[in-house]
Amino acid sequence: MPLDFYHGHGSPFSWRVWLALEHKAVPYNLKVLSFQDNDTTKPEFVALNPRHTVPTIVDDGYSLWESMAILEYLDERFAGAKLYPGDAKARARVRRLVREAEEYVGSEGIDPITGELFFKEGGGAPDMDRVAKGRARLGEELEYFSRELRGAFLAGDAPSAADFVLYPYLGYCWRINFRKPEAALANILPAPMAAYKKRIEALPYFDKTFPPHWR
């Protein structure tokens, strides 16, 4: 029986789960929720997820939210390509890279930029010094992740959970720069990361997951 996958276009957290579902060839019913229409706060969805967040999956009546919990569940529950491949040390490395991507690329690099350019409290002028610091931090981390590549991807010649967590941040950088060129993220990717981004985007299922309003 296919699971239900509740998704919001443009959410990097939900995007990572969609990529993983496709990579593992897990059967699913896609249920797209509209942030604009406040679909995540409607009673029928809150009954499934009291945190009213995406991604959320429902597998044979079992509801689960939080993207990293979902990725680990998918890897344990379903056969197919592994999101956490290899022995205990290799799997621990994937988990480390996941955490580093979330904390240092996301929280320390991207969040200050989006906080100033899109979500400024009170609607005041963005603090461009804070944007510049976020951009510098982001650049440092992308150099770091360039050195963490092990072949085509972060864990070898096939994508892993680490890739599906990192890539949406790279896509988000592209989107930020498209909407706010003053972010100056056009050339943020080191050459190895730029080539890596193209490899992810060449995956046969990638285009299916790309946010339609970003095209």
N, C-alpha and C. Protein backbone atom coordinates (compact mmCIF):
# COMPACT_ATOMS: atom_id res chain seq x y z
N MET A 1 0.85 -1.20 0.00
CA MET A 1 0.00 0.00 0.00
C MET A 1 0.88 1.25 0.00
N PRO A 2 0.66 2.18 -0.93
CA PRO A 2 1.47 3.41 -0.94
C PRO A 2 1.24 4.22 0.32
N LEU A 3 2.30 4.86 0.81
CA LEU A 3 2.13 5.77 1.94
C LEU A 3 1.68 7.12 1.42
N ASP A 4 1.12 7.93 2.29
CA ASP A 4 0.75 9.31 1.95
C ASP A 4 1.89 10.23 2.35
N PHE A 5 2.30 11.07 1.42
CA PHE A 5 3.39 12.02 1.64
C PHE A 5 2.84 13.42 1.52
N TYR A 6 2.80 14.13 2.64
CA TYR A 6 2.31 15.51 2.68
C TYR A 6 3.51 16.45 2.52
N HIS A 7 3.42 17.27 1.49
CA HIS A 7 4.57 18.05 1.04
C HIS A 7 4.17 19.49 0.79
N GLY A 8 5.14 20.41 0.97
CA GLY A 8 4.94 21.80 0.61
C GLY A 8 6.04 22.23 -0.33
N HIS A 9 5.68 22.68 -1.53
CA HIS A 9 6.69 23.09 -2.51
C HIS A 9 7.55 24.21 -1.95
N GLY A 10 8.87 24.06 -2.10
CA GLY A 10 9.81 25.08 -1.65
C GLY A 10 10.38 24.83 -0.28
N SER A 11 9.82 23.86 0.46
CA SER A 11 10.37 23.54 1.78
C SER A 11 11.59 22.64 1.59
N PRO A 12 12.79 23.09 2.02
CA PRO A 12 13.96 22.22 1.87
C PRO A 12 13.85 20.96 2.71
N PHE A 13 13.11 21.01 3.80
CA PHE A 13 12.95 19.85 4.67
C PHE A 13 12.07 18.79 4.00
N SER A 14 11.02 19.25 3.37
CA SER A 14 10.14 18.32 2.67
C SER A 14 10.79 17.80 1.39
N TRP A 15 11.57 18.65 0.75
CA TRP A 15 12.22 18.26 -0.50
C TRP A 15 13.15 17.08 -0.27
N ARG A 16 13.87 17.08 0.87
CA ARG A 16 14.80 15.99 1.14
C ARG A 16 14.06 14.65 1.23
N VAL A 17 12.86 14.66 1.79
CA VAL A 17 12.10 13.42 1.89
C VAL A 17 11.60 12.97 0.53
N TRP A 18 11.17 13.91 -0.30
CA TRP A 18 10.70 13.54 -1.64
C TRP A 18 11.84 12.90 -2.44
N LEU A 19 13.01 13.49 -2.39
CA LEU A 19 14.16 12.91 -3.09
C LEU A 19 14.44 11.50 -2.58
N ALA A 20 14.35 11.31 -1.27
CA ALA A 20 14.61 10.00 -0.69
C ALA A 20 13.56 8.98 -1.11
N LEU A 21 12.30 9.36 -1.13
CA LEU A 21 11.23 8.46 -1.58
C LEU A 21 11.49 7.99 -3.00
N GLU A 22 11.87 8.92 -3.85
CA GLU A 22 12.14 8.56 -5.25
C GLU A 22 13.40 7.68 -5.35
N HIS A 23 14.42 8.02 -4.60
CA HIS A 23 15.67 7.25 -4.65
C HIS A 23 15.45 5.81 -4.23
N LYS A 24 14.63 5.60 -3.21
CA LYS A 24 14.37 4.26 -2.71
C LYS A 24 13.22 3.57 -3.44
N ALA A 25 12.56 4.31 -4.35
CA ALA A 25 11.42 3.76 -5.11
C ALA A 25 10.31 3.28 -4.17
N VAL A 26 10.04 4.07 -3.15
CA VAL A 26 8.95 3.77 -2.22
C VAL A 26 7.63 4.26 -2.83
N PRO A 27 6.62 3.42 -2.94
CA PRO A 27 5.34 3.87 -3.48
C PRO A 27 4.70 4.91 -2.54
N TYR A 28 4.18 6.00 -3.11
CA TYR A 28 3.58 7.04 -2.28
C TYR A 28 2.51 7.79 -3.05
N ASN A 29 1.59 8.36 -2.29
CA ASN A 29 0.60 9.29 -2.82
C ASN A 29 1.05 10.69 -2.42
N LEU A 30 1.31 11.54 -3.40
CA LEU A 30 1.75 12.90 -3.12
C LEU A 30 0.55 13.77 -2.78
N LYS A 31 0.62 14.44 -1.63
CA LYS A 31 -0.44 15.34 -1.20
C LYS A 31 0.20 16.71 -0.94
N VAL A 32 0.05 17.61 -1.89
CA VAL A 32 0.69 18.92 -1.80
C VAL A 32 -0.19 19.86 -0.99
N LEU A 33 0.40 20.46 0.03
CA LEU A 33 -0.29 21.42 0.86
C LEU A 33 0.14 22.83 0.48
N SER A 34 -0.79 23.76 0.55
CA SER A 34 -0.51 25.16 0.22
C SER A 34 -0.22 25.93 1.50
N PHE A 35 0.96 26.53 1.55
CA PHE A 35 1.27 27.40 2.70
C PHE A 35 0.40 28.65 2.64
N GLN A 36 0.17 29.15 1.45
CA GLN A 36 -0.62 30.38 1.28
C GLN A 36 -2.04 30.19 1.79
N ASP A 37 -2.59 28.98 1.57
CA ASP A 37 -3.95 28.71 2.03
C ASP A 37 -4.00 28.13 3.44
N ASN A 38 -2.86 28.12 4.11
CA ASN A 38 -2.78 27.63 5.50
C ASN A 38 -3.27 26.19 5.63
N ASP A 39 -2.96 25.37 4.64
CA ASP A 39 -3.42 23.98 4.67
C ASP A 39 -2.86 23.22 5.87
N THR A 40 -1.67 23.59 6.33
CA THR A 40 -1.07 22.83 7.43
C THR A 40 -1.77 23.07 8.76
N THR A 41 -2.62 24.09 8.84
CA THR A 41 -3.33 24.38 10.09
C THR A 41 -4.77 23.91 10.07
N LYS A 42 -5.19 23.29 8.98
CA LYS A 42 -6.57 22.82 8.88
C LYS A 42 -6.76 21.58 9.74
N PRO A 43 -7.94 21.44 10.34
CA PRO A 43 -8.16 20.37 11.32
C PRO A 43 -7.82 18.98 10.82
N GLU A 44 -8.12 18.69 9.55
CA GLU A 44 -7.87 17.34 9.05
C GLU A 44 -6.38 17.01 8.99
N PHE A 45 -5.55 18.05 8.77
CA PHE A 45 -4.10 17.80 8.77
C PHE A 45 -3.55 17.81 10.19
N VAL A 46 -4.01 18.71 11.03
CA VAL A 46 -3.54 18.76 12.41
C VAL A 46 -3.87 17.46 13.14
N ALA A 47 -4.93 16.79 12.72
CA ALA A 47 -5.26 15.49 13.31
C ALA A 47 -4.19 14.45 13.00
N LEU A 48 -3.47 14.63 11.89
CA LEU A 48 -2.37 13.74 11.54
C LEU A 48 -1.07 14.17 12.18
N ASN A 49 -0.86 15.48 12.26
CA ASN A 49 0.40 16.04 12.76
C ASN A 49 0.08 17.27 13.61
N PRO A 50 0.11 17.13 14.93
CA PRO A 50 -0.24 18.26 15.79
C PRO A 50 0.74 19.42 15.72
N ARG A 51 1.93 19.18 15.13
CA ARG A 51 2.88 20.26 14.91
C ARG A 51 2.56 21.03 13.62
N HIS A 52 1.62 20.50 12.83
CA HIS A 52 1.19 21.05 11.53
C HIS A 52 2.36 21.53 10.68
N THR A 53 3.28 20.58 10.42
CA THR A 53 4.45 20.87 9.59
C THR A 53 4.58 19.85 8.47
N VAL A 54 5.28 20.25 7.42
CA VAL A 54 5.70 19.31 6.39
C VAL A 54 7.21 19.18 6.48
N PRO A 55 7.70 17.98 6.12
CA PRO A 55 6.99 16.83 5.59
C PRO A 55 6.29 16.02 6.69
N THR A 56 5.27 15.32 6.26
CA THR A 56 4.59 14.34 7.10
C THR A 56 4.29 13.14 6.22
N ILE A 57 4.46 11.95 6.75
CA ILE A 57 4.04 10.75 6.03
C ILE A 57 3.03 10.00 6.88
N VAL A 58 2.17 9.26 6.21
CA VAL A 58 1.25 8.34 6.88
C VAL A 58 1.41 7.00 6.19
N ASP A 59 1.94 6.04 6.93
CA ASP A 59 2.23 4.70 6.39
C ASP A 59 1.34 3.69 7.09
N ASP A 60 0.33 3.23 6.38
CA ASP A 60 -0.60 2.23 6.93
C ASP A 60 -1.16 2.69 8.28
N GLY A 61 -1.57 3.96 8.32
CA GLY A 61 -2.17 4.52 9.52
C GLY A 61 -1.19 5.12 10.52
N TYR A 62 0.10 4.94 10.28
CA TYR A 62 1.13 5.46 11.19
C TYR A 62 1.62 6.81 10.68
N SER A 63 1.41 7.86 11.45
CA SER A 63 1.83 9.22 11.07
C SER A 63 3.20 9.52 11.63
N LEU A 64 4.02 10.17 10.82
CA LEU A 64 5.37 10.55 11.26
C LEU A 64 5.73 11.88 10.63
N TRP A 65 6.31 12.76 11.43
CA TRP A 65 6.80 14.04 10.93
C TRP A 65 8.23 14.22 11.43
N GLU A 66 8.85 15.33 11.06
CA GLU A 66 10.27 15.64 11.24
C GLU A 66 11.08 14.86 10.19
N SER A 67 11.71 15.63 9.31
CA SER A 67 12.31 15.04 8.11
C SER A 67 13.37 14.00 8.42
N MET A 68 14.20 14.22 9.43
CA MET A 68 15.27 13.27 9.69
C MET A 68 14.72 11.97 10.26
N ALA A 69 13.70 12.06 11.09
CA ALA A 69 13.05 10.84 11.58
C ALA A 69 12.44 10.07 10.40
N ILE A 70 11.88 10.79 9.45
CA ILE A 70 11.28 10.15 8.28
C ILE A 70 12.34 9.45 7.45
N LEU A 71 13.48 10.10 7.22
CA LEU A 71 14.53 9.47 6.41
C LEU A 71 15.01 8.17 7.05
N GLU A 72 15.21 8.18 8.35
CA GLU A 72 15.67 6.95 9.00
C GLU A 72 14.58 5.88 8.97
N TYR A 73 13.35 6.28 9.14
CA TYR A 73 12.24 5.33 9.07
C TYR A 73 12.16 4.69 7.69
N LEU A 74 12.26 5.50 6.65
CA LEU A 74 12.19 4.96 5.29
C LEU A 74 13.29 3.93 5.05
N ASP A 75 14.49 4.21 5.58
CA ASP A 75 15.60 3.30 5.34
C ASP A 75 15.42 1.97 6.08
N GLU A 76 14.79 2.02 7.25
CA GLU A 76 14.55 0.80 8.01
C GLU A 76 13.31 0.05 7.52
N ARG A 77 12.35 0.79 7.05
CA ARG A 77 11.05 0.19 6.70
C ARG A 77 11.03 -0.42 5.31
N PHE A 78 11.78 0.17 4.37
CA PHE A 78 11.66 -0.23 2.97
C PHE A 78 12.99 -0.72 2.41
N ALA A 79 12.87 -1.69 1.52
CA ALA A 79 14.05 -2.19 0.81
C ALA A 79 14.48 -1.17 -0.23
N GLY A 80 15.49 -1.53 -1.02
CA GLY A 80 15.96 -0.64 -2.07
C GLY A 80 17.24 0.06 -1.69
N ALA A 81 17.58 1.09 -2.45
CA ALA A 81 18.81 1.83 -2.21
C ALA A 81 18.85 2.36 -0.78
N LYS A 82 20.03 2.31 -0.18
CA LYS A 82 20.18 2.72 1.21
C LYS A 82 20.47 4.21 1.32
N LEU A 83 19.78 4.85 2.25
CA LEU A 83 20.04 6.25 2.56
C LEU A 83 21.21 6.39 3.52
N TYR A 84 21.44 5.34 4.31
CA TYR A 84 22.56 5.29 5.26
C TYR A 84 23.36 4.03 4.94
N PRO A 85 24.18 4.09 3.91
CA PRO A 85 24.86 2.88 3.43
C PRO A 85 26.12 2.55 4.24
N GLY A 86 26.56 1.29 4.08
CA GLY A 86 27.85 0.90 4.63
C GLY A 86 27.79 0.36 6.04
N ASP A 87 28.96 0.28 6.68
CA ASP A 87 29.06 -0.25 8.03
C ASP A 87 28.73 0.84 9.05
N ALA A 88 28.89 0.52 10.33
CA ALA A 88 28.51 1.45 11.39
C ALA A 88 29.25 2.78 11.27
N LYS A 89 30.53 2.74 10.92
CA LYS A 89 31.31 3.98 10.80
C LYS A 89 30.84 4.80 9.61
N ALA A 90 30.56 4.14 8.49
CA ALA A 90 30.09 4.86 7.30
C ALA A 90 28.72 5.49 7.57
N ARG A 91 27.85 4.76 8.25
CA ARG A 91 26.52 5.31 8.55
C ARG A 91 26.62 6.48 9.53
N ALA A 92 27.54 6.36 10.49
CA ALA A 92 27.74 7.47 11.43
C ALA A 92 28.25 8.71 10.71
N ARG A 93 29.10 8.51 9.71
CA ARG A 93 29.62 9.65 8.95
C ARG A 93 28.48 10.35 8.20
N VAL A 94 27.57 9.57 7.61
CA VAL A 94 26.43 10.17 6.93
C VAL A 94 25.61 11.00 7.91
N ARG A 95 25.39 10.46 9.11
CA ARG A 95 24.62 11.20 10.12
C ARG A 95 25.35 12.47 10.54
N ARG A 96 26.67 12.39 10.64
CA ARG A 96 27.44 13.60 10.97
C ARG A 96 27.29 14.66 9.90
N LEU A 97 27.40 14.25 8.65
CA LEU A 97 27.29 15.21 7.55
C LEU A 97 25.90 15.83 7.50
N VAL A 98 24.89 15.03 7.79
CA VAL A 98 23.52 15.55 7.86
C VAL A 98 23.43 16.66 8.90
N ARG A 99 23.96 16.37 10.08
CA ARG A 99 23.88 17.35 11.17
C ARG A 99 24.68 18.60 10.85
N GLU A 100 25.84 18.42 10.24
CA GLU A 100 26.67 19.57 9.87
C GLU A 100 25.98 20.42 8.81
N ALA A 101 25.35 19.78 7.84
CA ALA A 101 24.63 20.55 6.81
C ALA A 101 23.52 21.38 7.44
N GLU A 102 22.76 20.77 8.34
CA GLU A 102 21.66 21.49 8.96
C GLU A 102 22.15 22.66 9.81
N GLU A 103 23.18 22.40 10.61
CA GLU A 103 23.63 23.42 11.56
C GLU A 103 24.44 24.51 10.90
N TYR A 104 25.41 24.15 10.08
CA TYR A 104 26.38 25.14 9.59
C TYR A 104 26.00 25.73 8.23
N VAL A 105 25.49 24.90 7.31
CA VAL A 105 25.02 25.45 6.04
C VAL A 105 23.68 26.15 6.23
N GLY A 106 22.75 25.44 6.90
CA GLY A 106 21.41 25.99 7.07
C GLY A 106 21.32 27.09 8.11
N SER A 107 21.58 26.72 9.37
CA SER A 107 21.35 27.67 10.47
C SER A 107 22.34 28.83 10.49
N GLU A 108 23.63 28.54 10.26
CA GLU A 108 24.63 29.61 10.36
C GLU A 108 24.87 30.34 9.05
N GLY A 109 24.62 29.67 7.92
CA GLY A 109 24.86 30.29 6.62
C GLY A 109 23.62 30.91 6.00
N ILE A 110 22.61 30.08 5.75
CA ILE A 110 21.44 30.55 5.00
C ILE A 110 20.47 31.34 5.87
N ASP A 111 20.23 30.89 7.11
CA ASP A 111 19.20 31.54 7.93
C ASP A 111 19.43 33.04 8.15
N PRO A 112 20.65 33.50 8.42
CA PRO A 112 20.83 34.95 8.58
C PRO A 112 20.51 35.71 7.29
N ILE A 113 20.80 35.10 6.15
CA ILE A 113 20.54 35.76 4.86
C ILE A 113 19.04 35.89 4.63
N THR A 114 18.31 34.77 4.79
CA THR A 114 16.87 34.82 4.57
C THR A 114 16.17 35.64 5.65
N GLY A 115 16.72 35.58 6.86
CA GLY A 115 16.12 36.37 7.93
C GLY A 115 16.14 37.85 7.64
N GLU A 116 17.23 38.32 7.04
CA GLU A 116 17.33 39.75 6.72
C GLU A 116 16.58 40.11 5.44
N LEU A 117 16.67 39.27 4.42
CA LEU A 117 16.14 39.64 3.10
C LEU A 117 14.66 39.31 2.92
N PHE A 118 14.15 38.33 3.69
CA PHE A 118 12.76 37.91 3.49
C PHE A 118 11.89 38.04 4.73
N PHE A 119 12.48 37.88 5.91
CA PHE A 119 11.66 37.77 7.12
C PHE A 119 12.06 38.78 8.18
N LYS A 120 12.49 39.93 7.75
CA LYS A 120 12.94 40.97 8.68
C LYS A 120 11.79 41.40 9.59
N GLU A 121 12.03 41.33 10.89
CA GLU A 121 11.00 41.75 11.84
C GLU A 121 10.70 43.22 11.69
N GLY A 122 9.43 43.53 11.62
CA GLY A 122 9.01 44.92 11.49
C GLY A 122 9.13 45.47 10.09
N GLY A 123 9.64 44.65 9.16
CA GLY A 123 9.72 45.08 7.77
C GLY A 123 10.76 46.14 7.50
N GLY A 124 11.75 46.30 8.39
CA GLY A 124 12.78 47.30 8.18
C GLY A 124 13.77 46.92 7.11
N ALA A 125 14.72 47.81 6.86
CA ALA A 125 15.75 47.55 5.86
C ALA A 125 16.65 46.43 6.34
N PRO A 126 17.05 45.54 5.44
CA PRO A 126 17.92 44.43 5.84
C PRO A 126 19.29 44.91 6.29
N ASP A 127 19.85 44.21 7.25
CA ASP A 127 21.20 44.46 7.72
C ASP A 127 22.15 43.72 6.78
N MET A 128 22.73 44.46 5.83
CA MET A 128 23.56 43.82 4.81
C MET A 128 24.89 43.30 5.38
N ASP A 129 25.31 43.83 6.52
CA ASP A 129 26.49 43.27 7.17
C ASP A 129 26.19 41.85 7.65
N ARG A 130 25.02 41.65 8.18
CA ARG A 130 24.63 40.31 8.63
C ARG A 130 24.49 39.37 7.43
N VAL A 131 23.96 39.88 6.34
CA VAL A 131 23.88 39.09 5.11
C VAL A 131 25.28 38.68 4.66
N ALA A 132 26.21 39.63 4.69
CA ALA A 132 27.58 39.34 4.26
C ALA A 132 28.23 38.30 5.15
N LYS A 133 27.98 38.37 6.45
CA LYS A 133 28.54 37.37 7.36
C LYS A 133 27.96 35.99 7.10
N GLY A 134 26.65 35.95 6.84
CA GLY A 134 26.03 34.68 6.49
C GLY A 134 26.60 34.11 5.20
N ARG A 135 26.80 34.98 4.22
CA ARG A 135 27.38 34.54 2.95
C ARG A 135 28.80 34.01 3.15
N ALA A 136 29.59 34.68 3.97
CA ALA A 136 30.95 34.22 4.24
C ALA A 136 30.94 32.86 4.94
N ARG A 137 30.04 32.71 5.90
CA ARG A 137 29.93 31.43 6.62
C ARG A 137 29.50 30.33 5.66
N LEU A 138 28.56 30.65 4.80
CA LEU A 138 28.09 29.69 3.81
C LEU A 138 29.23 29.27 2.89
N GLY A 139 30.02 30.23 2.45
CA GLY A 139 31.15 29.92 1.58
C GLY A 139 32.14 28.99 2.25
N GLU A 140 32.43 29.23 3.54
CA GLU A 140 33.34 28.36 4.27
C GLU A 140 32.81 26.93 4.33
N GLU A 141 31.52 26.81 4.59
CA GLU A 141 30.94 25.47 4.72
C GLU A 141 30.88 24.74 3.39
N LEU A 142 30.64 25.45 2.31
CA LEU A 142 30.61 24.79 1.01
C LEU A 142 32.00 24.32 0.60
N GLU A 143 33.02 25.04 1.01
CA GLU A 143 34.39 24.56 0.80
C GLU A 143 34.62 23.28 1.62
N TYR A 144 34.14 23.29 2.83
CA TYR A 144 34.27 22.11 3.70
C TYR A 144 33.59 20.90 3.06
N PHE A 145 32.37 21.08 2.58
CA PHE A 145 31.64 19.96 1.99
C PHE A 145 32.28 19.51 0.68
N SER A 146 32.93 20.41 -0.02
CA SER A 146 33.68 20.00 -1.21
C SER A 146 34.74 18.97 -0.86
N ARG A 147 35.36 19.14 0.29
CA ARG A 147 36.40 18.21 0.72
C ARG A 147 35.82 16.90 1.26
N GLU A 148 34.53 16.91 1.55
CA GLU A 148 33.89 15.70 2.09
C GLU A 148 33.33 14.78 1.00
N LEU A 149 33.40 15.20 -0.24
CA LEU A 149 32.92 14.33 -1.33
C LEU A 149 33.77 13.07 -1.39
N ARG A 150 33.11 11.95 -1.56
CA ARG A 150 33.78 10.66 -1.69
C ARG A 150 33.36 10.03 -3.01
N GLY A 151 33.91 10.56 -4.08
CA GLY A 151 33.45 10.16 -5.41
C GLY A 151 32.41 11.14 -5.90
N ALA A 152 31.40 10.64 -6.57
CA ALA A 152 30.38 11.52 -7.14
C ALA A 152 29.56 12.22 -6.07
N PHE A 153 29.38 11.55 -4.93
CA PHE A 153 28.50 12.07 -3.88
C PHE A 153 29.22 12.05 -2.53
N LEU A 154 28.52 12.42 -1.49
CA LEU A 154 29.17 12.55 -0.19
C LEU A 154 29.56 11.22 0.43
N ALA A 155 28.85 10.16 0.09
CA ALA A 155 29.15 8.85 0.67
C ALA A 155 29.63 7.85 -0.36
N GLY A 156 29.95 8.31 -1.55
CA GLY A 156 30.43 7.38 -2.58
C GLY A 156 29.80 7.65 -3.92
N ASP A 157 29.54 6.59 -4.66
CA ASP A 157 29.06 6.73 -6.03
C ASP A 157 27.54 6.77 -6.14
N ALA A 158 26.83 6.70 -5.03
CA ALA A 158 25.37 6.81 -5.04
C ALA A 158 24.95 7.82 -3.99
N PRO A 159 23.84 8.52 -4.19
CA PRO A 159 23.39 9.49 -3.20
C PRO A 159 23.01 8.82 -1.89
N SER A 160 23.10 9.57 -0.81
CA SER A 160 22.73 9.11 0.52
C SER A 160 21.86 10.18 1.18
N ALA A 161 21.47 9.92 2.42
CA ALA A 161 20.70 10.92 3.16
C ALA A 161 21.46 12.25 3.24
N ALA A 162 22.78 12.19 3.35
CA ALA A 162 23.57 13.43 3.44
C ALA A 162 23.39 14.29 2.20
N ASP A 163 23.33 13.67 1.04
CA ASP A 163 23.14 14.43 -0.21
C ASP A 163 21.74 15.03 -0.28
N PHE A 164 20.75 14.28 0.18
CA PHE A 164 19.39 14.78 0.09
C PHE A 164 19.10 15.86 1.12
N VAL A 165 19.94 15.95 2.14
CA VAL A 165 19.84 17.07 3.08
C VAL A 165 20.61 18.27 2.56
N LEU A 166 21.79 18.04 2.03
CA LEU A 166 22.61 19.16 1.56
C LEU A 166 22.05 19.80 0.30
N TYR A 167 21.63 19.01 -0.69
CA TYR A 167 21.27 19.59 -1.98
C TYR A 167 20.17 20.65 -1.87
N PRO A 168 19.06 20.41 -1.14
CA PRO A 168 18.04 21.46 -1.10
C PRO A 168 18.55 22.81 -0.63
N TYR A 169 19.57 22.82 0.22
CA TYR A 169 20.17 24.10 0.60
C TYR A 169 20.85 24.76 -0.60
N LEU A 170 21.49 23.95 -1.45
CA LEU A 170 22.12 24.52 -2.64
C LEU A 170 21.05 25.08 -3.58
N GLY A 171 19.97 24.32 -3.73
CA GLY A 171 18.86 24.82 -4.55
C GLY A 171 18.26 26.09 -3.98
N TYR A 172 18.19 26.15 -2.65
CA TYR A 172 17.65 27.33 -1.98
C TYR A 172 18.54 28.55 -2.22
N CYS A 173 19.87 28.33 -2.24
CA CYS A 173 20.78 29.43 -2.55
C CYS A 173 20.48 30.01 -3.92
N TRP A 174 20.26 29.13 -4.89
CA TRP A 174 19.92 29.59 -6.25
C TRP A 174 18.63 30.40 -6.22
N ARG A 175 17.65 29.92 -5.49
CA ARG A 175 16.36 30.62 -5.42
C ARG A 175 16.49 31.97 -4.72
N ILE A 176 17.26 32.01 -3.63
CA ILE A 176 17.48 33.28 -2.93
C ILE A 176 18.10 34.30 -3.88
N ASN A 177 19.12 33.88 -4.61
CA ASN A 177 19.80 34.81 -5.51
C ASN A 177 18.90 35.27 -6.64
N PHE A 178 18.02 34.38 -7.10
CA PHE A 178 17.07 34.74 -8.16
C PHE A 178 16.13 35.85 -7.68
N ARG A 179 15.65 35.70 -6.45
CA ARG A 179 14.68 36.67 -5.92
C ARG A 179 15.35 37.91 -5.34
N LYS A 180 16.54 37.74 -4.78
CA LYS A 180 17.25 38.84 -4.13
C LYS A 180 18.71 38.85 -4.59
N PRO A 181 18.98 39.39 -5.78
CA PRO A 181 20.36 39.38 -6.29
C PRO A 181 21.36 40.05 -5.35
N GLU A 182 20.86 40.93 -4.50
CA GLU A 182 21.76 41.60 -3.56
C GLU A 182 22.36 40.62 -2.55
N ALA A 183 21.82 39.42 -2.47
CA ALA A 183 22.42 38.39 -1.61
C ALA A 183 23.79 37.98 -2.12
N ALA A 184 24.04 38.19 -3.41
CA ALA A 184 25.35 37.91 -4.03
C ALA A 184 25.75 36.45 -3.86
N LEU A 185 24.82 35.55 -4.15
CA LEU A 185 25.09 34.13 -4.03
C LEU A 185 25.32 33.46 -5.39
N ALA A 186 25.38 34.24 -6.45
CA ALA A 186 25.49 33.66 -7.79
C ALA A 186 26.73 32.79 -7.94
N ASN A 187 27.81 33.18 -7.32
CA ASN A 187 29.07 32.45 -7.48
C ASN A 187 29.55 31.85 -6.16
N ILE A 188 28.60 31.49 -5.31
CA ILE A 188 28.96 31.01 -3.98
C ILE A 188 29.51 29.58 -4.01
N LEU A 189 29.16 28.80 -5.04
CA LEU A 189 29.54 27.39 -5.04
C LEU A 189 30.99 27.21 -5.51
N PRO A 190 31.83 26.56 -4.72
CA PRO A 190 33.15 26.16 -5.22
C PRO A 190 32.97 25.19 -6.39
N ALA A 191 33.98 25.09 -7.24
CA ALA A 191 33.87 24.25 -8.44
C ALA A 191 33.43 22.83 -8.14
N PRO A 192 33.97 22.16 -7.12
CA PRO A 192 33.50 20.79 -6.84
C PRO A 192 32.02 20.74 -6.46
N MET A 193 31.54 21.77 -5.74
CA MET A 193 30.13 21.80 -5.35
C MET A 193 29.24 22.12 -6.55
N ALA A 194 29.71 22.96 -7.45
CA ALA A 194 28.93 23.27 -8.65
C ALA A 194 28.76 22.01 -9.50
N ALA A 195 29.83 21.22 -9.63
CA ALA A 195 29.75 19.97 -10.39
C ALA A 195 28.85 18.97 -9.67
N TYR A 196 28.95 18.92 -8.36
CA TYR A 196 28.12 18.04 -7.53
C TYR A 196 26.63 18.40 -7.70
N LYS A 197 26.33 19.69 -7.66
CA LYS A 197 24.95 20.15 -7.83
C LYS A 197 24.39 19.66 -9.16
N LYS A 198 25.18 19.71 -10.21
CA LYS A 198 24.72 19.24 -11.52
C LYS A 198 24.49 17.74 -11.52
N ARG A 199 25.30 16.99 -10.76
CA ARG A 199 25.09 15.54 -10.70
C ARG A 199 23.77 15.20 -10.01
N ILE A 200 23.47 15.91 -8.93
CA ILE A 200 22.17 15.70 -8.27
C ILE A 200 21.04 16.03 -9.24
N GLU A 201 21.17 17.14 -9.95
CA GLU A 201 20.11 17.58 -10.84
C GLU A 201 19.96 16.68 -12.07
N ALA A 202 20.96 15.83 -12.32
CA ALA A 202 20.88 14.88 -13.43
C ALA A 202 20.24 13.55 -13.02
N LEU A 203 19.94 13.38 -11.73
CA LEU A 203 19.28 12.15 -11.30
C LEU A 203 17.94 12.01 -12.01
N PRO A 204 17.55 10.80 -12.39
CA PRO A 204 16.36 10.63 -13.24
C PRO A 204 15.06 11.11 -12.61
N TYR A 205 15.00 11.18 -11.31
CA TYR A 205 13.78 11.59 -10.62
C TYR A 205 13.83 13.03 -10.14
N PHE A 206 14.96 13.72 -10.36
CA PHE A 206 15.13 15.05 -9.78
C PHE A 206 14.06 16.03 -10.28
N ASP A 207 13.86 16.07 -11.58
CA ASP A 207 12.97 17.08 -12.16
C ASP A 207 11.55 16.97 -11.59
N LYS A 208 11.14 15.75 -11.28
CA LYS A 208 9.82 15.52 -10.71
C LYS A 208 9.64 16.25 -9.38
N THR A 209 10.74 16.41 -8.64
CA THR A 209 10.67 16.98 -7.31
C THR A 209 10.93 18.48 -7.27
N PHE A 210 11.32 19.06 -8.38
CA PHE A 210 11.70 20.47 -8.39
C PHE A 210 10.48 21.35 -8.17
N PRO A 211 10.55 22.33 -7.27
CA PRO A 211 9.39 23.18 -6.99
C PRO A 211 8.86 23.85 -8.27
N PRO A 212 7.60 23.63 -8.61
CA PRO A 212 7.09 24.17 -9.88
C PRO A 212 7.11 25.68 -9.95
N HIS A 213 6.95 26.36 -8.82
CA HIS A 213 6.93 27.83 -8.86
C HIS A 213 8.34 28.41 -8.94
N TRP A 214 9.37 27.55 -8.93
CA TRP A 214 10.74 28.00 -9.11
C TRP A 214 11.17 27.95 -10.57
N ARG A 215 10.38 27.36 -11.42
CA ARG A 215 10.79 27.17 -12.81
C ARG A 215 10.78 28.49 -13.58
